[in-house]
Amino acid sequence: MEREPLQSSTIVAVGYDPAAQVLEIEFQRGRVYRYLGVAPALVAALRAAPSAGALFSRQIRNNYECWRLVRLAPSADAAKEPAPH
């Protein structure tokens, strides 16, 4: 999912899939979370909020199922394989 920058002291960027109603938030410390079942109007409010962090804390955090995304390190075997041409 492609994320767009957000002017916030807490949130770096947000991405949204309206068909699936999945909101992805990248935080200042580098962690990325996906929130499930988030309505488009709430995402629009988050993007327009004078304090996205405050809106997130009040209306999103602890109110939606979420998953932390982690970046997997490449396997040792993958590092040994030649790059495709």
C-alpha atoms as a PDB file:
ATOM      1  CA  MET A   1       0.000   0.000   0.000  1.00  0.00           C
ATOM      2  CA  GLU A   2       1.340   3.396  -0.938  1.00  0.00           C
ATOM      3  CA  ARG A   3       1.493   5.910   1.915  1.00  0.00           C
ATOM      4  CA  GLU A   4       1.335   9.709   1.680  1.00  0.00           C
ATOM      5  CA  PRO A   5       3.225  12.010   4.080  1.00  0.00           C
ATOM      6  CA  LEU A   6       1.261  13.655   6.856  1.00  0.00           C
ATOM      7  CA  GLN A   7       2.218  16.808   8.762  1.00  0.00           C
ATOM      8  CA  SER A   8       2.275  15.449  12.302  1.00  0.00           C
ATOM      9  CA  SER A   9       4.662  15.099  15.211  1.00  0.00           C
ATOM     10  CA  THR A  10       3.436  11.516  15.709  1.00  0.00           C
ATOM     11  CA  ILE A  11       2.545  10.179  12.259  1.00  0.00           C
ATOM     12  CA  VAL A  12       4.907  10.166   9.273  1.00  0.00           C
ATOM     13  CA  ALA A  13       2.529   8.879   6.601  1.00  0.00           C
ATOM     14  CA  VAL A  14      -0.831   7.223   5.989  1.00  0.00           C
ATOM     15  CA  GLY A  15      -2.142   4.926   3.286  1.00  0.00           C
ATOM     16  CA  TYR A  16      -5.687   3.779   2.725  1.00  0.00           C
ATOM     17  CA  ASP A  17      -7.435   1.105   0.690  1.00  0.00           C
ATOM     18  CA  PRO A  18     -11.076   2.232   0.492  1.00  0.00           C
ATOM     19  CA  ALA A  19     -12.311  -1.042  -1.043  1.00  0.00           C
ATOM     20  CA  ALA A  20     -10.944  -3.053   1.899  1.00  0.00           C
ATOM     21  CA  GLN A  21     -11.298  -0.194   4.432  1.00  0.00           C
ATOM     22  CA  VAL A  22      -7.727  -0.744   5.591  1.00  0.00           C
ATOM     23  CA  LEU A  23      -5.767   2.177   7.023  1.00  0.00           C
ATOM     24  CA  GLU A  24      -1.985   1.948   7.225  1.00  0.00           C
ATOM     25  CA  ILE A  25      -0.118   4.340   9.520  1.00  0.00           C
ATOM     26  CA  GLU A  26       3.646   4.850   9.712  1.00  0.00           C
ATOM     27  CA  PHE A  27       4.713   6.406  12.998  1.00  0.00           C
ATOM     28  CA  GLN A  28       7.733   8.603  13.759  1.00  0.00           C
ATOM     29  CA  ARG A  29       9.646   5.735  15.388  1.00  0.00           C
ATOM     30  CA  GLY A  30       9.406   3.700  12.180  1.00  0.00           C
ATOM     31  CA  ARG A  31       6.678   1.267  13.167  1.00  0.00           C
ATOM     32  CA  VAL A  32       3.853   0.622  10.717  1.00  0.00           C
ATOM     33  CA  TYR A  33       0.384  -0.601  11.669  1.00  0.00           C
ATOM     34  CA  ARG A  34      -2.672  -1.604   9.639  1.00  0.00           C
ATOM     35  CA  TYR A  35      -6.111  -0.848  11.053  1.00  0.00           C
ATOM     36  CA  LEU A  36      -9.049  -2.864   9.722  1.00  0.00           C
ATOM     37  CA  GLY A  37     -12.583  -1.647   9.009  1.00  0.00           C
ATOM     38  CA  VAL A  38     -11.829   2.091   9.064  1.00  0.00           C
ATOM     39  CA  ALA A  39     -14.460   4.187   7.263  1.00  0.00           C
ATOM     40  CA  PRO A  40     -13.344   6.616   4.526  1.00  0.00           C
ATOM     41  CA  ALA A  41     -14.788   9.602   6.448  1.00  0.00           C
ATOM     42  CA  LEU A  42     -12.548   8.884   9.431  1.00  0.00           C
ATOM     43  CA  VAL A  43      -9.482   8.666   7.175  1.00  0.00           C
ATOM     44  CA  ALA A  44     -10.411  12.006   5.588  1.00  0.00           C
ATOM     45  CA  ALA A  45     -10.790  13.491   9.078  1.00  0.00           C
ATOM     46  CA  LEU A  46      -7.375  12.123  10.065  1.00  0.00           C
ATOM     47  CA  ARG A  47      -5.726  13.676   7.019  1.00  0.00           C
ATOM     48  CA  ALA A  48      -7.389  17.047   7.650  1.00  0.00           C
ATOM     49  CA  ALA A  49      -7.054  17.156  11.431  1.00  0.00           C
ATOM     50  CA  PRO A  50      -5.030  19.983  13.017  1.00  0.00           C
ATOM     51  CA  SER A  51      -3.606  17.262  15.297  1.00  0.00           C
ATOM     52  CA  ALA A  52      -3.568  13.883  13.570  1.00  0.00           C
ATOM     53  CA  GLY A  53      -1.975  12.283  16.628  1.00  0.00           C
ATOM     54  CA  ALA A  54      -4.790  13.463  18.904  1.00  0.00           C
ATOM     55  CA  LEU A  55      -7.471  12.277  16.476  1.00  0.00           C
ATOM     56  CA  PHE A  56      -5.687   8.941  16.152  1.00  0.00           C
ATOM     57  CA  SER A  57      -5.553   8.535  19.945  1.00  0.00           C
ATOM     58  CA  ARG A  58      -9.235   9.403  20.406  1.00  0.00           C
ATOM     59  CA  GLN A  59     -10.851   7.663  17.460  1.00  0.00           C
ATOM     60  CA  ILE A  60      -8.580   4.959  16.039  1.00  0.00           C
ATOM     61  CA  ARG A  61      -6.209   3.546  18.668  1.00  0.00           C
ATOM     62  CA  ASN A  62      -7.865   0.744  20.644  1.00  0.00           C
ATOM     63  CA  ASN A  63     -11.049   1.034  18.542  1.00  0.00           C
ATOM     64  CA  TYR A  64     -10.035  -1.068  15.532  1.00  0.00           C
ATOM     65  CA  GLU A  65      -8.365  -4.406  15.019  1.00  0.00           C
ATOM     66  CA  CYS A  66      -4.777  -3.720  14.045  1.00  0.00           C
ATOM     67  CA  TRP A  67      -1.661  -5.530  12.937  1.00  0.00           C
ATOM     68  CA  ARG A  68       1.918  -4.368  13.230  1.00  0.00           C
ATOM     69  CA  LEU A  69       3.804  -4.819   9.966  1.00  0.00           C
ATOM     70  CA  VAL A  70       7.372  -6.037  10.218  1.00  0.00           C
ATOM     71  CA  ARG A  71      10.042  -6.033   7.573  1.00  0.00           C
ATOM     72  CA  LEU A  72      11.567  -9.466   7.181  1.00  0.00           C
ATOM     73  CA  ALA A  73      15.304  -9.739   6.714  1.00  0.00           C
ATOM     74  CA  PRO A  74      16.364 -11.526   3.534  1.00  0.00           C
ATOM     75  CA  SER A  75      17.277 -15.164   4.085  1.00  0.00           C
ATOM     76  CA  ALA A  76      20.933 -16.209   4.045  1.00  0.00           C
ATOM     77  CA  ASP A  77      20.234 -18.403   0.999  1.00  0.00           C
ATOM     78  CA  ALA A  78      18.738 -15.479  -0.922  1.00  0.00           C
ATOM     79  CA  ALA A  79      21.921 -13.487  -0.340  1.00  0.00           C
ATOM     80  CA  LYS A  80      23.954 -16.264  -2.007  1.00  0.00           C
ATOM     81  CA  GLU A  81      21.837 -16.421  -5.153  1.00  0.00           C
ATOM     82  CA  PRO A  82      22.923 -14.350  -8.151  1.00  0.00           C
ATOM     83  CA  ALA A  83      20.762 -11.396  -9.052  1.00  0.00           C
ATOM     84  CA  PRO A  84      18.359 -11.984 -11.970  1.00  0.00           C
ATOM     85  CA  HIS A  85      19.347 -10.456 -15.316  1.00  0.00           C
END
